[in-house]
Amino acid sequence: MLLKLILIGAVLYGLYRLTGGRLLPEGGFKKSGKNGKNGEEESEDDTLVECEKCSTYVVKKEAIFYKGKYYCSRECLPK
């Protein structure tokens, strides 16, 4: 019985070492959709959008959406 536990532990340790010590994929599991190019997955949080006023690119999650356009900060919002 003890020999079986040691053997199972050695196999699990070997698999752990073979995967480089990573149990989850790099970056963890993400909820994401398909990107049209090469079938790669792309998260909506990773999409860059251009600020309407200063043309700076900002992550869509952090951008301000106002009247159908994206802005990088409150300073760029129309007054």
Foldseek 3Di string as FASTA:
>chain_A
DVVVVVVVVVVVVVVCVVVVNDPAPVVHDDDFDFDPPPRDTDHLQQDWFAAPQPRDIDGPVQWDQDPNGTHNDPVSDDD
